[in-house]
Amino acid sequence: MMLRILRLLAVALAVLLGAQAAFAETAPAQTIWRRLDYIAVDYAGAVSGGRVISAAEYQEMTEFSASARDRLSRLPATPARPGLVKGVEELQAAIAAKADPL
């Protein structure tokens, strides 16, 4: 579940980045991408079997997903933005539920 959400978000962000022309416009989206990538790589070190195994890592997962959600809501309105916001909200719910990484 978690991995599926992250893959969908990655594809959607890639589309969004491709739609932006100037670097200054893509910097916020790249920051979101980095936060989501961090979650994708490190989540398994935070949660296993529905339990938190590293409180510090889990706290970062919740903070980074909240940051990604906040930053997405501030991006310019595009047809892709509502789906991206929904995807990050699903990711936040999966993190809160301590979903398995795969």
N, C-alpha and C. Protein backbone atom coordinates (compact mmCIF):
# COMPACT_ATOMS: atom_id res chain seq x y z
N MET A 1 0.83 -1.19 0.00
CA MET A 1 0.00 0.00 0.00
C MET A 1 0.87 1.25 0.00
N MET A 2 1.79 1.30 0.94
CA MET A 2 2.66 2.47 1.08
C MET A 2 3.48 2.68 -0.19
N LEU A 3 4.07 1.60 -0.68
CA LEU A 3 4.90 1.70 -1.87
C LEU A 3 4.08 2.13 -3.08
N ARG A 4 2.86 1.63 -3.20
CA ARG A 4 1.99 2.00 -4.31
C ARG A 4 1.67 3.49 -4.28
N ILE A 5 1.36 4.01 -3.11
CA ILE A 5 1.07 5.44 -2.96
C ILE A 5 2.29 6.26 -3.37
N LEU A 6 3.46 5.88 -2.89
CA LEU A 6 4.67 6.63 -3.22
C LEU A 6 4.98 6.58 -4.71
N ARG A 7 4.76 5.43 -5.34
CA ARG A 7 5.00 5.34 -6.79
C ARG A 7 4.06 6.26 -7.55
N LEU A 8 2.78 6.26 -7.17
CA LEU A 8 1.82 7.14 -7.85
C LEU A 8 2.19 8.61 -7.66
N LEU A 9 2.60 8.96 -6.46
CA LEU A 9 3.01 10.34 -6.21
C LEU A 9 4.25 10.70 -7.02
N ALA A 10 5.18 9.77 -7.13
CA ALA A 10 6.40 10.03 -7.90
C ALA A 10 6.08 10.30 -9.36
N VAL A 11 5.20 9.50 -9.93
CA VAL A 11 4.82 9.70 -11.33
C VAL A 11 4.12 11.05 -11.50
N ALA A 12 3.20 11.34 -10.60
CA ALA A 12 2.46 12.60 -10.70
C ALA A 12 3.39 13.80 -10.54
N LEU A 13 4.34 13.72 -9.63
CA LEU A 13 5.29 14.83 -9.46
C LEU A 13 6.19 14.96 -10.67
N ALA A 14 6.56 13.85 -11.28
CA ALA A 14 7.38 13.92 -12.49
C ALA A 14 6.63 14.64 -13.60
N VAL A 15 5.35 14.37 -13.70
CA VAL A 15 4.52 15.07 -14.70
C VAL A 15 4.47 16.55 -14.38
N LEU A 16 4.28 16.87 -13.11
CA LEU A 16 4.22 18.27 -12.69
C LEU A 16 5.54 18.98 -12.98
N LEU A 17 6.65 18.34 -12.65
CA LEU A 17 7.96 18.94 -12.93
C LEU A 17 8.16 19.14 -14.42
N GLY A 18 7.72 18.20 -15.21
CA GLY A 18 7.85 18.33 -16.66
C GLY A 18 7.03 19.48 -17.21
N ALA A 19 5.96 19.82 -16.52
CA ALA A 19 5.09 20.91 -16.97
C ALA A 19 5.64 22.28 -16.61
N GLN A 20 6.59 22.33 -15.69
CA GLN A 20 7.17 23.60 -15.28
C GLN A 20 8.38 23.92 -16.14
N ALA A 21 8.53 25.16 -16.54
CA ALA A 21 9.60 25.52 -17.45
C ALA A 21 10.87 25.99 -16.74
N ALA A 22 10.76 26.91 -15.82
CA ALA A 22 11.95 27.51 -15.21
C ALA A 22 12.30 26.83 -13.90
N PHE A 23 13.59 26.80 -13.57
CA PHE A 23 14.04 26.16 -12.33
C PHE A 23 13.38 26.78 -11.12
N ALA A 24 13.26 28.09 -11.08
CA ALA A 24 12.65 28.75 -9.93
C ALA A 24 11.25 28.23 -9.67
N GLU A 25 10.55 27.85 -10.74
CA GLU A 25 9.21 27.32 -10.59
C GLU A 25 9.22 25.86 -10.16
N THR A 26 10.29 25.14 -10.46
CA THR A 26 10.32 23.72 -10.12
C THR A 26 10.94 23.47 -8.75
N ALA A 27 11.63 24.43 -8.17
CA ALA A 27 12.28 24.23 -6.88
C ALA A 27 11.31 23.74 -5.81
N PRO A 28 10.11 24.33 -5.65
CA PRO A 28 9.18 23.80 -4.63
C PRO A 28 8.78 22.35 -4.90
N ALA A 29 8.53 22.01 -6.14
CA ALA A 29 8.16 20.64 -6.48
C ALA A 29 9.33 19.69 -6.22
N GLN A 30 10.54 20.14 -6.46
CA GLN A 30 11.71 19.30 -6.21
C GLN A 30 11.88 19.04 -4.71
N THR A 31 11.57 20.03 -3.89
CA THR A 31 11.64 19.86 -2.45
C THR A 31 10.62 18.81 -2.00
N ILE A 32 9.42 18.88 -2.55
CA ILE A 32 8.39 17.88 -2.24
C ILE A 32 8.89 16.50 -2.66
N TRP A 33 9.45 16.42 -3.85
CA TRP A 33 9.98 15.15 -4.36
C TRP A 33 11.01 14.58 -3.39
N ARG A 34 11.93 15.42 -2.92
CA ARG A 34 12.97 14.95 -2.00
C ARG A 34 12.37 14.43 -0.69
N ARG A 35 11.35 15.11 -0.18
CA ARG A 35 10.69 14.65 1.05
C ARG A 35 10.05 13.28 0.83
N LEU A 36 9.35 13.12 -0.27
CA LEU A 36 8.69 11.85 -0.56
C LEU A 36 9.71 10.74 -0.81
N ASP A 37 10.81 11.09 -1.46
CA ASP A 37 11.86 10.11 -1.70
C ASP A 37 12.46 9.65 -0.38
N TYR A 38 12.65 10.57 0.53
CA TYR A 38 13.19 10.23 1.85
C TYR A 38 12.26 9.24 2.55
N ILE A 39 10.96 9.52 2.50
CA ILE A 39 9.99 8.62 3.11
C ILE A 39 10.07 7.24 2.46
N ALA A 40 10.15 7.21 1.14
CA ALA A 40 10.20 5.93 0.42
C ALA A 40 11.41 5.11 0.83
N VAL A 41 12.53 5.75 1.06
CA VAL A 41 13.77 5.04 1.39
C VAL A 41 13.82 4.65 2.86
N ASP A 42 13.38 5.52 3.75
CA ASP A 42 13.61 5.32 5.18
C ASP A 42 12.41 4.81 5.98
N TYR A 43 11.23 4.74 5.39
CA TYR A 43 10.05 4.34 6.14
C TYR A 43 10.22 2.96 6.77
N ALA A 44 10.83 2.03 6.05
CA ALA A 44 11.01 0.67 6.58
C ALA A 44 11.86 0.66 7.85
N GLY A 45 12.66 1.67 8.05
CA GLY A 45 13.44 1.79 9.27
C GLY A 45 12.66 2.40 10.42
N ALA A 46 11.45 2.86 10.13
CA ALA A 46 10.62 3.49 11.15
C ALA A 46 9.50 2.59 11.63
N VAL A 47 8.96 1.78 10.72
CA VAL A 47 7.78 0.97 11.02
C VAL A 47 7.99 -0.44 10.49
N SER A 48 7.57 -1.40 11.30
CA SER A 48 7.61 -2.80 10.87
C SER A 48 6.49 -3.55 11.58
N GLY A 49 5.73 -4.31 10.82
CA GLY A 49 4.65 -5.09 11.43
C GLY A 49 3.62 -4.25 12.15
N GLY A 50 3.37 -3.05 11.66
CA GLY A 50 2.38 -2.18 12.29
C GLY A 50 2.83 -1.51 13.58
N ARG A 51 4.14 -1.60 13.84
CA ARG A 51 4.68 -0.99 15.07
C ARG A 51 5.83 -0.05 14.72
N VAL A 52 5.95 1.00 15.50
CA VAL A 52 7.06 1.92 15.35
C VAL A 52 8.30 1.25 15.93
N ILE A 53 9.35 1.16 15.11
CA ILE A 53 10.60 0.57 15.59
C ILE A 53 11.67 1.64 15.81
N SER A 54 11.43 2.83 15.29
CA SER A 54 12.32 3.96 15.54
C SER A 54 11.45 5.22 15.67
N ALA A 55 11.31 5.69 16.88
CA ALA A 55 10.47 6.87 17.13
C ALA A 55 10.98 8.09 16.37
N ALA A 56 12.30 8.26 16.33
CA ALA A 56 12.86 9.43 15.63
C ALA A 56 12.56 9.36 14.13
N GLU A 57 12.76 8.19 13.54
CA GLU A 57 12.47 8.03 12.11
C GLU A 57 10.98 8.22 11.84
N TYR A 58 10.15 7.66 12.69
CA TYR A 58 8.70 7.78 12.50
C TYR A 58 8.28 9.25 12.58
N GLN A 59 8.86 9.99 13.50
CA GLN A 59 8.55 11.42 13.62
C GLN A 59 8.93 12.14 12.33
N GLU A 60 10.07 11.79 11.74
CA GLU A 60 10.46 12.40 10.47
C GLU A 60 9.47 12.06 9.37
N MET A 61 8.97 10.83 9.36
CA MET A 61 8.00 10.42 8.34
C MET A 61 6.74 11.29 8.43
N THR A 62 6.26 11.50 9.67
CA THR A 62 5.06 12.30 9.85
C THR A 62 5.32 13.77 9.50
N GLU A 63 6.49 14.27 9.89
CA GLU A 63 6.82 15.66 9.58
C GLU A 63 7.01 15.88 8.08
N PHE A 64 7.73 14.98 7.42
CA PHE A 64 7.99 15.14 5.99
C PHE A 64 6.72 15.00 5.17
N SER A 65 5.84 14.08 5.56
CA SER A 65 4.59 13.95 4.81
C SER A 65 3.70 15.18 5.02
N ALA A 66 3.70 15.74 6.23
CA ALA A 66 2.93 16.96 6.48
C ALA A 66 3.52 18.13 5.69
N SER A 67 4.83 18.20 5.64
CA SER A 67 5.49 19.24 4.86
C SER A 67 5.17 19.11 3.37
N ALA A 68 5.19 17.88 2.87
CA ALA A 68 4.87 17.67 1.46
C ALA A 68 3.44 18.10 1.18
N ARG A 69 2.52 17.78 2.08
CA ARG A 69 1.11 18.16 1.90
C ARG A 69 0.97 19.69 1.90
N ASP A 70 1.62 20.34 2.83
CA ASP A 70 1.55 21.79 2.92
C ASP A 70 2.15 22.45 1.68
N ARG A 71 3.30 21.97 1.25
CA ARG A 71 3.97 22.55 0.09
C ARG A 71 3.17 22.32 -1.19
N LEU A 72 2.55 21.15 -1.30
CA LEU A 72 1.72 20.87 -2.48
C LEU A 72 0.55 21.84 -2.55
N SER A 73 -0.05 22.13 -1.42
CA SER A 73 -1.20 23.02 -1.43
C SER A 73 -0.83 24.44 -1.83
N ARG A 74 0.46 24.78 -1.75
CA ARG A 74 0.91 26.13 -2.12
C ARG A 74 1.44 26.21 -3.56
N LEU A 75 1.51 25.07 -4.25
CA LEU A 75 1.94 25.11 -5.65
C LEU A 75 0.87 25.79 -6.51
N PRO A 76 1.26 26.32 -7.66
CA PRO A 76 0.26 26.90 -8.56
C PRO A 76 -0.80 25.86 -8.93
N ALA A 77 -2.01 26.34 -9.07
CA ALA A 77 -3.11 25.44 -9.42
C ALA A 77 -2.86 24.82 -10.79
N THR A 78 -2.92 23.51 -10.84
CA THR A 78 -2.82 22.76 -12.09
C THR A 78 -3.84 21.63 -12.02
N PRO A 79 -4.15 21.02 -13.14
CA PRO A 79 -5.06 19.87 -13.09
C PRO A 79 -4.51 18.72 -12.24
N ALA A 80 -3.20 18.63 -12.11
CA ALA A 80 -2.58 17.53 -11.35
C ALA A 80 -2.61 17.75 -9.84
N ARG A 81 -2.68 18.99 -9.40
CA ARG A 81 -2.54 19.27 -7.97
C ARG A 81 -3.56 18.57 -7.08
N PRO A 82 -4.85 18.57 -7.39
CA PRO A 82 -5.79 17.87 -6.48
C PRO A 82 -5.46 16.39 -6.29
N GLY A 83 -5.05 15.72 -7.34
CA GLY A 83 -4.68 14.32 -7.22
C GLY A 83 -3.43 14.12 -6.39
N LEU A 84 -2.48 15.04 -6.53
CA LEU A 84 -1.26 14.97 -5.73
C LEU A 84 -1.56 15.18 -4.25
N VAL A 85 -2.39 16.16 -3.95
CA VAL A 85 -2.77 16.42 -2.57
C VAL A 85 -3.48 15.20 -1.99
N LYS A 86 -4.38 14.62 -2.75
CA LYS A 86 -5.09 13.42 -2.29
C LYS A 86 -4.11 12.28 -2.03
N GLY A 87 -3.14 12.11 -2.91
CA GLY A 87 -2.14 11.07 -2.73
C GLY A 87 -1.32 11.26 -1.47
N VAL A 88 -0.92 12.49 -1.20
CA VAL A 88 -0.14 12.75 0.02
C VAL A 88 -1.01 12.55 1.25
N GLU A 89 -2.28 12.91 1.17
CA GLU A 89 -3.17 12.67 2.30
C GLU A 89 -3.32 11.16 2.55
N GLU A 90 -3.37 10.36 1.49
CA GLU A 90 -3.42 8.91 1.64
C GLU A 90 -2.12 8.40 2.26
N LEU A 91 -1.01 8.98 1.85
CA LEU A 91 0.28 8.62 2.43
C LEU A 91 0.30 8.96 3.92
N GLN A 92 -0.18 10.14 4.27
CA GLN A 92 -0.23 10.53 5.68
C GLN A 92 -1.09 9.54 6.49
N ALA A 93 -2.21 9.14 5.92
CA ALA A 93 -3.08 8.18 6.61
C ALA A 93 -2.38 6.83 6.78
N ALA A 94 -1.65 6.41 5.76
CA ALA A 94 -0.91 5.14 5.84
C ALA A 94 0.17 5.22 6.91
N ILE A 95 0.85 6.35 6.99
CA ILE A 95 1.88 6.54 8.03
C ILE A 95 1.23 6.52 9.41
N ALA A 96 0.12 7.23 9.56
CA ALA A 96 -0.57 7.28 10.85
C ALA A 96 -1.06 5.89 11.27
N ALA A 97 -1.43 5.06 10.28
CA ALA A 97 -1.90 3.71 10.56
C ALA A 97 -0.74 2.73 10.74
N LYS A 98 0.48 3.25 10.56
CA LYS A 98 1.69 2.42 10.64
C LYS A 98 1.64 1.25 9.66
N ALA A 99 1.22 1.57 8.44
CA ALA A 99 1.11 0.57 7.38
C ALA A 99 2.48 -0.02 7.08
N ASP A 100 2.46 -1.29 6.68
CA ASP A 100 3.72 -1.92 6.28
C ASP A 100 4.28 -1.22 5.03
N PRO A 101 5.59 -1.15 4.92
CA PRO A 101 6.20 -0.44 3.79
C PRO A 101 5.82 -1.00 2.42
N LEU A 102 5.56 -2.27 2.30
CA LEU A 102 5.24 -2.86 1.00
C LEU A 102 3.78 -3.04 0.80
